Amino acid sequence: MKLSDDFKRCFRHFVYYYTNGTLPFVIGDDSILKDIDYREALKKEASLVEQAFAIYANNIEMDEHGKVLNQAHAMKRAAQWIRLVCREEGEKYQVVPEFEEWETFLH
């Protein structure tokens, strides 16, 4: 089975928003990544970026035709991970709802 064109489009947009720093503005909650330069913070932490992409992909839902049904949700869950790993020492940030094991699984 091939990935649908809609998934490829959505994934491309996620990668675009992540890499150009506009992810905070497209996830429906700009407070999650407010004032965080996540690209700078994560540029030497490839495994943390890998985890964010896995969370995005694990949260994507598609209909029987491959149409993505929850792009904003998948991007928000990835953003919550980014926020969690970019927090300052001693800063309290809690992901709500907490990540479930299936969301963070690396395939």
C-alpha atoms as a PDB file:
ATOM      1  CA  MET A   1       0.000   0.000   0.000  1.00  0.00           C
ATOM      2  CA  LYS A   2       1.338   3.416  -0.935  1.00  0.00           C
ATOM      3  CA  LEU A   3       0.981   6.537   1.147  1.00  0.00           C
ATOM      4  CA  SER A   4      -1.843   8.718  -0.075  1.00  0.00           C
ATOM      5  CA  ASP A   5      -1.182  12.010  -1.817  1.00  0.00           C
ATOM      6  CA  ASP A   6      -3.120  13.746   0.972  1.00  0.00           C
ATOM      7  CA  PHE A   7      -0.846  12.243   3.633  1.00  0.00           C
ATOM      8  CA  LYS A   8       2.236  13.246   1.626  1.00  0.00           C
ATOM      9  CA  ARG A   9       0.857  16.794   1.371  1.00  0.00           C
ATOM     10  CA  CYS A  10       0.106  16.958   5.097  1.00  0.00           C
ATOM     11  CA  PHE A  11       3.494  15.529   6.000  1.00  0.00           C
ATOM     12  CA  ARG A  12       5.238  17.998   3.704  1.00  0.00           C
ATOM     13  CA  HIS A  13       3.377  20.848   5.403  1.00  0.00           C
ATOM     14  CA  PHE A  14       4.339  19.579   8.856  1.00  0.00           C
ATOM     15  CA  VAL A  15       8.001  19.400   7.829  1.00  0.00           C
ATOM     16  CA  TYR A  16       7.769  22.872   6.286  1.00  0.00           C
ATOM     17  CA  TYR A  17       6.197  24.420   9.393  1.00  0.00           C
ATOM     18  CA  TYR A  18       8.711  22.692  11.660  1.00  0.00           C
ATOM     19  CA  THR A  19      11.781  23.711   9.677  1.00  0.00           C
ATOM     20  CA  ASN A  20      10.849  27.330   9.074  1.00  0.00           C
ATOM     21  CA  GLY A  21       9.749  27.912  12.677  1.00  0.00           C
ATOM     22  CA  THR A  22       6.054  28.532  12.013  1.00  0.00           C
ATOM     23  CA  LEU A  23       4.723  25.412  13.730  1.00  0.00           C
ATOM     24  CA  PRO A  24       3.426  27.489  16.687  1.00  0.00           C
ATOM     25  CA  PHE A  25       1.106  29.398  14.373  1.00  0.00           C
ATOM     26  CA  VAL A  26      -0.589  26.434  12.688  1.00  0.00           C
ATOM     27  CA  ILE A  27      -1.328  24.053  15.561  1.00  0.00           C
ATOM     28  CA  GLY A  28      -4.359  25.880  16.917  1.00  0.00           C
ATOM     29  CA  ASP A  29      -2.629  26.803  20.195  1.00  0.00           C
ATOM     30  CA  ASP A  30       0.225  29.272  19.794  1.00  0.00           C
ATOM     31  CA  SER A  31       0.925  29.217  23.545  1.00  0.00           C
ATOM     32  CA  ILE A  32       2.500  25.736  23.409  1.00  0.00           C
ATOM     33  CA  LEU A  33       5.662  26.900  21.632  1.00  0.00           C
ATOM     34  CA  LYS A  34       5.466  30.605  22.451  1.00  0.00           C
ATOM     35  CA  ASP A  35       8.914  32.208  22.739  1.00  0.00           C
ATOM     36  CA  ILE A  36      10.700  28.878  22.218  1.00  0.00           C
ATOM     37  CA  ASP A  37      13.334  28.651  19.504  1.00  0.00           C
ATOM     38  CA  TYR A  38      12.867  24.917  19.164  1.00  0.00           C
ATOM     39  CA  ARG A  39      14.897  24.679  15.975  1.00  0.00           C
ATOM     40  CA  GLU A  40      17.970  26.030  17.742  1.00  0.00           C
ATOM     41  CA  ALA A  41      17.337  23.946  20.864  1.00  0.00           C
ATOM     42  CA  LEU A  42      16.919  20.703  18.916  1.00  0.00           C
ATOM     43  CA  LYS A  43      19.435  21.103  16.095  1.00  0.00           C
ATOM     44  CA  LYS A  44      21.957  18.881  17.890  1.00  0.00           C
ATOM     45  CA  GLU A  45      19.369  16.456  19.268  1.00  0.00           C
ATOM     46  CA  ALA A  46      18.345  14.355  16.284  1.00  0.00           C
ATOM     47  CA  SER A  47      16.669  11.692  18.417  1.00  0.00           C
ATOM     48  CA  LEU A  48      14.322  14.279  19.966  1.00  0.00           C
ATOM     49  CA  VAL A  49      13.351  15.522  16.507  1.00  0.00           C
ATOM     50  CA  GLU A  50      12.894  11.912  15.387  1.00  0.00           C
ATOM     51  CA  GLN A  51      10.501  11.417  18.311  1.00  0.00           C
ATOM     52  CA  ALA A  52       8.480  14.513  17.339  1.00  0.00           C
ATOM     53  CA  PHE A  53       8.082  13.177  13.798  1.00  0.00           C
ATOM     54  CA  ALA A  54       7.105   9.745  15.130  1.00  0.00           C
ATOM     55  CA  ILE A  55       4.445  11.315  17.357  1.00  0.00           C
ATOM     56  CA  TYR A  56       3.101  13.241  14.369  1.00  0.00           C
ATOM     57  CA  ALA A  57       2.968  10.102  12.190  1.00  0.00           C
ATOM     58  CA  ASN A  58       1.518   7.889  14.925  1.00  0.00           C
ATOM     59  CA  ASN A  59      -1.325  10.341  15.500  1.00  0.00           C
ATOM     60  CA  ILE A  60      -2.351  10.757  11.861  1.00  0.00           C
ATOM     61  CA  GLU A  61      -5.741   9.277  11.002  1.00  0.00           C
ATOM     62  CA  MET A  62      -6.965   8.761   7.463  1.00  0.00           C
ATOM     63  CA  ASP A  63     -10.207   7.626   5.934  1.00  0.00           C
ATOM     64  CA  GLU A  64     -10.466   4.664   3.566  1.00  0.00           C
ATOM     65  CA  HIS A  65      -9.389   6.889   0.654  1.00  0.00           C
ATOM     66  CA  GLY A  66      -6.244   8.146   2.385  1.00  0.00           C
ATOM     67  CA  LYS A  67      -7.662  11.577   3.230  1.00  0.00           C
ATOM     68  CA  VAL A  68      -6.063  12.910   6.413  1.00  0.00           C
ATOM     69  CA  LEU A  69      -8.697  13.620   9.044  1.00  0.00           C
ATOM     70  CA  ASN A  70      -6.715  15.199  11.880  1.00  0.00           C
ATOM     71  CA  GLN A  71      -3.686  17.165  10.639  1.00  0.00           C
ATOM     72  CA  ALA A  72      -3.994  19.865  13.329  1.00  0.00           C
ATOM     73  CA  HIS A  73      -4.213  17.291  16.122  1.00  0.00           C
ATOM     74  CA  ALA A  74      -1.154  15.360  14.922  1.00  0.00           C
ATOM     75  CA  MET A  75       0.862  18.577  14.634  1.00  0.00           C
ATOM     76  CA  LYS A  76      -0.280  19.705  18.095  1.00  0.00           C
ATOM     77  CA  ARG A  77       0.789  16.417  19.702  1.00  0.00           C
ATOM     78  CA  ALA A  78       4.226  16.757  18.071  1.00  0.00           C
ATOM     79  CA  ALA A  79       4.400  20.361  19.302  1.00  0.00           C
ATOM     80  CA  GLN A  80       3.581  19.226  22.828  1.00  0.00           C
ATOM     81  CA  TRP A  81       6.548  16.861  22.701  1.00  0.00           C
ATOM     82  CA  ILE A  82       8.790  19.638  21.413  1.00  0.00           C
ATOM     83  CA  ARG A  83       7.599  21.910  24.224  1.00  0.00           C
ATOM     84  CA  LEU A  84       8.223  19.186  26.794  1.00  0.00           C
ATOM     85  CA  VAL A  85      11.813  18.558  25.723  1.00  0.00           C
ATOM     86  CA  CYS A  86      12.613  22.267  25.244  1.00  0.00           C
ATOM     87  CA  ARG A  87      11.496  23.385  28.694  1.00  0.00           C
ATOM     88  CA  GLU A  88      13.947  25.196  30.914  1.00  0.00           C
ATOM     89  CA  GLU A  89      15.402  23.396  33.915  1.00  0.00           C
ATOM     90  CA  GLY A  90      12.907  23.513  36.750  1.00  0.00           C
ATOM     91  CA  GLU A  91      10.103  24.708  34.467  1.00  0.00           C
ATOM     92  CA  LYS A  92       6.902  22.782  34.873  1.00  0.00           C
ATOM     93  CA  TYR A  93       5.147  21.769  31.700  1.00  0.00           C
ATOM     94  CA  GLN A  94       2.792  18.839  31.543  1.00  0.00           C
ATOM     95  CA  VAL A  95       1.453  17.308  28.355  1.00  0.00           C
ATOM     96  CA  VAL A  96      -2.339  17.014  28.571  1.00  0.00           C
ATOM     97  CA  PRO A  97      -3.400  14.378  27.921  1.00  0.00           C
ATOM     98  CA  GLU A  98      -0.183  12.521  28.665  1.00  0.00           C
ATOM     99  CA  PHE A  99       1.370  10.628  25.789  1.00  0.00           C
ATOM    100  CA  GLU A 100       0.275   7.041  25.441  1.00  0.00           C
ATOM    101  CA  GLU A 101       2.833   4.388  24.549  1.00  0.00           C
ATOM    102  CA  TRP A 102       1.499   3.970  20.991  1.00  0.00           C
ATOM    103  CA  GLU A 103       2.028   7.681  20.303  1.00  0.00           C
ATOM    104  CA  THR A 104       5.728   7.597  21.074  1.00  0.00           C
ATOM    105  CA  PHE A 105       6.545   4.228  19.525  1.00  0.00           C
ATOM    106  CA  LEU A 106       9.351   4.345  16.958  1.00  0.00           C
ATOM    107  CA  HIS A 107       8.582   1.942  14.102  1.00  0.00           C
END
